[in-house]
C-alpha atoms as a PDB file:
ATOM      1  CA  MET A   1      -7.448 -36.556  54.969  1.00  0.00           C
ATOM      2  CA  ILE A   2     -10.193 -34.223  53.733  1.00  0.00           C
ATOM      3  CA  LYS A   3      -7.794 -31.288  53.828  1.00  0.00           C
ATOM      4  CA  ASP A   4      -5.313 -33.256  51.764  1.00  0.00           C
ATOM      5  CA  LYS A   5      -7.952 -33.991  49.092  1.00  0.00           C
ATOM      6  CA  LYS A   6      -8.946 -30.333  48.950  1.00  0.00           C
ATOM      7  CA  ARG A   7      -5.310 -29.308  48.689  1.00  0.00           C
ATOM      8  CA  LEU A   8      -4.723 -31.885  45.972  1.00  0.00           C
ATOM      9  CA  GLN A   9      -7.779 -30.681  44.028  1.00  0.00           C
ATOM     10  CA  LYS A  10      -6.690 -27.056  44.402  1.00  0.00           C
ATOM     11  CA  PHE A  11      -3.178 -27.993  43.307  1.00  0.00           C
ATOM     12  CA  ARG A  12      -4.524 -29.798  40.212  1.00  0.00           C
ATOM     13  CA  ARG A  13      -6.777 -26.837  39.391  1.00  0.00           C
ATOM     14  CA  ASP A  14      -3.855 -24.432  39.745  1.00  0.00           C
ATOM     15  CA  ILE A  15      -1.690 -26.644  37.507  1.00  0.00           C
ATOM     16  CA  ARG A  16      -4.439 -26.770  34.849  1.00  0.00           C
ATOM     17  CA  ASN A  17      -4.922 -22.995  34.947  1.00  0.00           C
ATOM     18  CA  GLY A  18      -1.182 -22.462  34.764  1.00  0.00           C
ATOM     19  CA  CYS A  19      -0.889 -24.809  31.787  1.00  0.00           C
ATOM     20  CA  LYS A  20      -3.765 -23.013  30.045  1.00  0.00           C
ATOM     21  CA  ARG A  21      -2.054 -19.669  30.569  1.00  0.00           C
ATOM     22  CA  ILE A  22       1.270 -20.981  29.308  1.00  0.00           C
ATOM     23  CA  MET A  23      -0.357 -22.532  26.221  1.00  0.00           C
ATOM     24  CA  SER A  24      -2.205 -19.273  25.530  1.00  0.00           C
ATOM     25  CA  ALA A  25       1.018 -17.301  25.781  1.00  0.00           C
ATOM     26  CA  VAL A  26       2.884 -19.748  23.538  1.00  0.00           C
ATOM     27  CA  SER A  27       0.154 -19.761  20.885  1.00  0.00           C
ATOM     28  CA  LEU A  28      -0.056 -15.967  20.969  1.00  0.00           C
ATOM     29  CA  ALA A  29       3.704 -15.720  20.551  1.00  0.00           C
ATOM     30  CA  ALA A  30       3.614 -18.191  17.664  1.00  0.00           C
ATOM     31  CA  LEU A  31       0.876 -16.222  15.916  1.00  0.00           C
ATOM     32  CA  THR A  32       2.755 -12.974  16.432  1.00  0.00           C
ATOM     33  CA  ILE A  33       5.957 -14.402  15.009  1.00  0.00           C
ATOM     34  CA  ARG A  34       4.099 -15.888  12.054  1.00  0.00           C
ATOM     35  CA  SER A  35       2.242 -12.659  11.301  1.00  0.00           C
ATOM     36  CA  THR A  36       5.426 -10.590  11.329  1.00  0.00           C
ATOM     37  CA  ALA A  37       7.081 -13.113   9.054  1.00  0.00           C
ATOM     38  CA  TYR A  38       4.302 -12.706   6.480  1.00  0.00           C
ATOM     39  CA  ALA A  39       4.113  -8.930   6.882  1.00  0.00           C
ATOM     40  CA  SER A  40       7.161  -8.387   4.685  1.00  0.00           C
ATOM     41  CA  ASP A  41       5.513 -10.415   1.911  1.00  0.00           C
ATOM     42  CA  VAL A  42       2.388  -8.262   2.102  1.00  0.00           C
ATOM     43  CA  VAL A  43       4.394  -5.036   2.104  1.00  0.00           C
ATOM     44  CA  SER A  44       6.422  -6.165  -0.906  1.00  0.00           C
ATOM     45  CA  GLN A  45       3.196  -7.004  -2.784  1.00  0.00           C
ATOM     46  CA  ILE A  46       1.741  -3.574  -1.970  1.00  0.00           C
ATOM     47  CA  ASN A  47       4.948  -1.882  -3.112  1.00  0.00           C
ATOM     48  CA  SER A  48       4.926  -3.787  -6.402  1.00  0.00           C
ATOM     49  CA  LEU A  49       1.264  -2.873  -6.929  1.00  0.00           C
ATOM     50  CA  SER A  50       2.083   0.762  -6.229  1.00  0.00           C
ATOM     51  CA  THR A  51       4.940   0.647  -8.731  1.00  0.00           C
ATOM     52  CA  PHE A  52       2.639  -0.944 -11.327  1.00  0.00           C
ATOM     53  CA  VAL A  53      -0.065   1.709 -10.868  1.00  0.00           C
ATOM     54  CA  LEU A  54       2.492   4.524 -11.101  1.00  0.00           C
ATOM     55  CA  SER A  55       3.851   2.980 -14.309  1.00  0.00           C
ATOM     56  CA  ILE A  56       0.355   2.955 -15.809  1.00  0.00           C
ATOM     57  CA  ILE A  57      -0.163   6.598 -14.800  1.00  0.00           C
ATOM     58  CA  GLN A  58       3.175   7.587 -16.319  1.00  0.00           C
ATOM     59  CA  ALA A  59       2.384   5.771 -19.567  1.00  0.00           C
ATOM     60  CA  ALA A  60      -1.005   7.499 -19.737  1.00  0.00           C
ATOM     61  CA  GLY A  61       0.792  10.794 -19.083  1.00  0.00           C
ATOM     62  CA  VAL A  62       3.029  10.263 -22.108  1.00  0.00           C
ATOM     63  CA  ILE A  63      -0.044   9.608 -24.269  1.00  0.00           C
ATOM     64  CA  VAL A  64      -1.882  12.674 -22.925  1.00  0.00           C
ATOM     65  CA  THR A  65       1.207  14.860 -23.448  1.00  0.00           C
ATOM     66  CA  ALA A  66       1.616  13.680 -27.047  1.00  0.00           C
ATOM     67  CA  TRP A  67      -2.109  14.254 -27.673  1.00  0.00           C
ATOM     68  CA  GLY A  68      -1.795  17.774 -26.270  1.00  0.00           C
ATOM     69  CA  VAL A  69       1.231  18.566 -28.438  1.00  0.00           C
ATOM     70  CA  PHE A  70      -0.591  17.447 -31.588  1.00  0.00           C
ATOM     71  CA  GLU A  71      -3.693  19.364 -30.572  1.00  0.00           C
ATOM     72  CA  PHE A  72      -1.630  22.486 -29.870  1.00  0.00           C
ATOM     73  CA  ALA A  73      -0.009  22.229 -33.302  1.00  0.00           C
ATOM     74  CA  ASN A  74      -3.414  21.877 -34.909  1.00  0.00           C
ATOM     75  CA  GLY A  75      -4.766  24.884 -32.973  1.00  0.00           C
ATOM     76  CA  TYR A  76      -1.681  26.929 -33.815  1.00  0.00           C
ATOM     77  CA  GLN A  77      -2.056  26.098 -37.501  1.00  0.00           C
ATOM     78  CA  SER A  78      -5.726  27.133 -37.530  1.00  0.00           C
ATOM     79  CA  HIS A  79      -5.137  30.169 -35.261  1.00  0.00           C
ATOM     80  CA  ASP A  80      -7.695  28.867 -32.751  1.00  0.00           C
ATOM     81  CA  GLY A  81      -6.901  30.339 -29.325  1.00  0.00           C
ATOM     82  CA  THR A  82      -9.398  28.166 -27.455  1.00  0.00           C
ATOM     83  CA  GLN A  83      -7.952  24.972 -28.876  1.00  0.00           C
ATOM     84  CA  GLN A  84      -4.417  26.137 -28.059  1.00  0.00           C
ATOM     85  CA  THR A  85      -5.388  26.878 -24.459  1.00  0.00           C
ATOM     86  CA  SER A  86      -7.082  23.520 -24.099  1.00  0.00           C
ATOM     87  CA  ALA A  87      -4.034  21.812 -25.587  1.00  0.00           C
ATOM     88  CA  LEU A  88      -1.677  23.587 -23.181  1.00  0.00           C
ATOM     89  CA  LYS A  89      -3.801  22.417 -20.253  1.00  0.00           C
ATOM     90  CA  ARG A  90      -3.635  18.879 -21.623  1.00  0.00           C
ATOM     91  CA  ILE A  91       0.166  19.088 -22.026  1.00  0.00           C
ATOM     92  CA  ILE A  92       0.596  20.297 -18.452  1.00  0.00           C
ATOM     93  CA  ALA A  93      -1.697  17.557 -17.134  1.00  0.00           C
ATOM     94  CA  GLY A  94       0.266  14.953 -19.100  1.00  0.00           C
ATOM     95  CA  LEU A  95       3.585  16.235 -17.749  1.00  0.00           C
ATOM     96  CA  ILE A  96       2.217  16.051 -14.204  1.00  0.00           C
ATOM     97  CA  MET A  97       1.158  12.455 -14.864  1.00  0.00           C
ATOM     98  CA  VAL A  98       4.597  11.612 -16.255  1.00  0.00           C
ATOM     99  CA  GLY A  99       6.250  13.097 -13.170  1.00  0.00           C
ATOM    100  CA  ALA A 100       3.805  11.437 -10.756  1.00  0.00           C
ATOM    101  CA  GLY A 101       6.389   8.940  -9.496  1.00  0.00           C
ATOM    102  CA  THR A 102       8.903  11.644  -8.709  1.00  0.00           C
ATOM    103  CA  LEU A 103       6.200  13.827  -7.211  1.00  0.00           C
ATOM    104  CA  MET A 104       4.994  10.986  -4.957  1.00  0.00           C
ATOM    105  CA  SER A 105       8.534  10.245  -3.772  1.00  0.00           C
ATOM    106  CA  MET A 106       9.095  13.949  -3.032  1.00  0.00           C
ATOM    107  CA  LEU A 107       5.930  13.942  -0.928  1.00  0.00           C
ATOM    108  CA  GLY A 108       7.146  10.813   0.842  1.00  0.00           C
ATOM    109  CA  VAL A 109       4.230   8.617  -0.215  1.00  0.00           C
ATOM    110  CA  SER A 110       6.187   5.848  -1.921  1.00  0.00           C
END
Protein backbone atom coordinates (compact mmCIF):
# COMPACT_ATOMS: atom_id res chain seq x y z
CA MET A 1 0.00 0.00 0.00
CA ILE A 2 2.85 2.40 0.80
CA LYS A 3 4.45 1.67 -2.56
CA ASP A 4 1.18 2.44 -4.28
CA LYS A 5 0.94 5.84 -2.53
CA LYS A 6 4.51 6.68 -3.50
CA ARG A 7 3.84 5.64 -7.07
CA LEU A 8 0.64 7.68 -7.13
CA GLN A 9 2.45 10.74 -5.74
CA LYS A 10 5.27 10.31 -8.27
CA PHE A 11 2.72 9.90 -11.05
CA ARG A 12 0.90 13.10 -9.98
CA ARG A 13 4.21 14.98 -9.77
CA ASP A 14 5.20 13.77 -13.23
CA ILE A 15 1.80 14.80 -14.63
CA ARG A 16 2.13 18.28 -13.07
CA ASN A 17 5.66 18.72 -14.45
CA GLY A 18 4.53 17.52 -17.85
CA CYS A 19 1.60 19.93 -17.85
CA LYS A 20 3.90 22.79 -16.84
CA ARG A 21 6.26 21.97 -19.70
CA ILE A 22 3.41 21.75 -22.19
CA MET A 23 1.93 25.06 -21.01
CA SER A 24 5.37 26.70 -21.24
CA ALA A 25 5.83 25.43 -24.78
CA VAL A 26 2.34 26.56 -25.82
CA SER A 27 2.77 30.03 -24.33
CA LEU A 28 6.20 30.39 -25.94
CA ALA A 29 4.76 29.37 -29.29
CA ALA A 30 1.89 31.83 -28.89
CA LEU A 31 4.29 34.66 -28.07
CA THR A 32 6.49 33.77 -31.03
CA ILE A 33 3.55 33.73 -33.42
CA ARG A 34 2.26 37.02 -32.04
CA SER A 35 5.65 38.72 -32.26
CA THR A 36 6.15 37.67 -35.88
CA ALA A 37 2.68 38.91 -36.71
CA TYR A 38 3.52 42.37 -35.36
CA ALA A 39 7.00 42.42 -36.89
CA SER A 40 5.65 43.33 -40.32
CA ASP A 41 3.85 46.33 -38.80
CA VAL A 42 7.06 47.54 -37.18
CA VAL A 43 9.06 47.07 -40.38
CA SER A 44 6.46 48.97 -42.41
CA GLN A 45 6.57 51.84 -39.89
CA ILE A 46 10.38 51.96 -40.08
CA ASN A 47 10.24 51.95 -43.88
CA SER A 48 7.74 54.81 -43.92
CA LEU A 49 9.91 56.77 -41.48
CA SER A 50 12.93 56.15 -43.69
CA THR A 51 11.01 57.36 -46.73
CA PHE A 52 9.90 60.48 -44.83
CA VAL A 53 13.45 61.32 -43.72
CA LEU A 54 14.80 60.83 -47.25
CA SER A 55 12.06 63.12 -48.58
CA ILE A 56 13.09 65.83 -46.12
CA ILE A 57 16.75 65.43 -47.13
CA GLN A 58 15.85 65.65 -50.81
CA ALA A 59 13.75 68.78 -50.25
CA ALA A 60 16.61 70.38 -48.31
CA GLY A 61 18.92 69.40 -51.18
CA VAL A 62 16.76 71.28 -53.67
CA ILE A 63 16.90 74.38 -51.45
CA VAL A 64 20.68 74.12 -50.99
CA THR A 65 21.18 73.63 -54.75
CA ALA A 66 19.06 76.68 -55.58
CA TRP A 67 20.93 78.73 -52.95
CA GLY A 68 24.24 77.64 -54.48
CA VAL A 69 23.13 78.56 -58.00
CA PHE A 70 22.09 82.05 -56.88
CA GLU A 71 25.30 82.47 -54.93
CA PHE A 72 27.36 81.33 -57.92
CA ALA A 73 25.59 83.85 -60.15
CA ASN A 74 26.27 86.59 -57.64
CA GLY A 75 29.95 85.59 -57.38
CA TYR A 76 30.25 85.39 -61.16
CA GLN A 77 28.73 88.84 -61.54
CA SER A 78 31.14 90.36 -59.00
CA HIS A 79 34.13 88.33 -60.27
CA ASP A 80 34.70 86.87 -56.79
CA GLY A 81 36.54 83.55 -57.14
CA THR A 82 36.15 82.58 -53.49
CA GLN A 83 32.40 83.04 -53.58
CA GLN A 84 32.17 81.05 -56.82
CA THR A 85 34.14 78.18 -55.31
CA SER A 86 32.00 78.18 -52.20
CA ALA A 87 28.87 78.23 -54.35
CA LEU A 88 30.07 75.29 -56.44
CA LYS A 89 30.67 73.29 -53.26
CA ARG A 90 27.16 74.16 -52.12
CA ILE A 91 25.67 73.11 -55.48
CA ILE A 92 27.47 69.77 -55.36
CA ALA A 93 26.36 69.17 -51.77
CA GLY A 94 22.77 70.00 -52.73
CA LEU A 95 22.87 67.61 -55.70
CA ILE A 96 24.19 64.85 -53.43
CA MET A 97 21.31 65.53 -51.04
CA VAL A 98 18.80 65.43 -53.89
CA GLY A 99 20.21 62.10 -55.06
CA ALA A 100 20.39 60.65 -51.53
CA GLY A 101 17.47 58.28 -52.11
CA THR A 102 19.00 56.85 -55.25
CA LEU A 103 22.40 56.70 -53.62
CA MET A 104 21.00 54.82 -50.60
CA SER A 105 19.20 52.31 -52.83
CA MET A 106 22.39 51.76 -54.84
CA LEU A 107 24.23 51.03 -51.60
CA GLY A 108 21.45 48.65 -50.59
CA VAL A 109 20.46 50.52 -47.44
CA SER A 110 16.80 51.10 -48.24
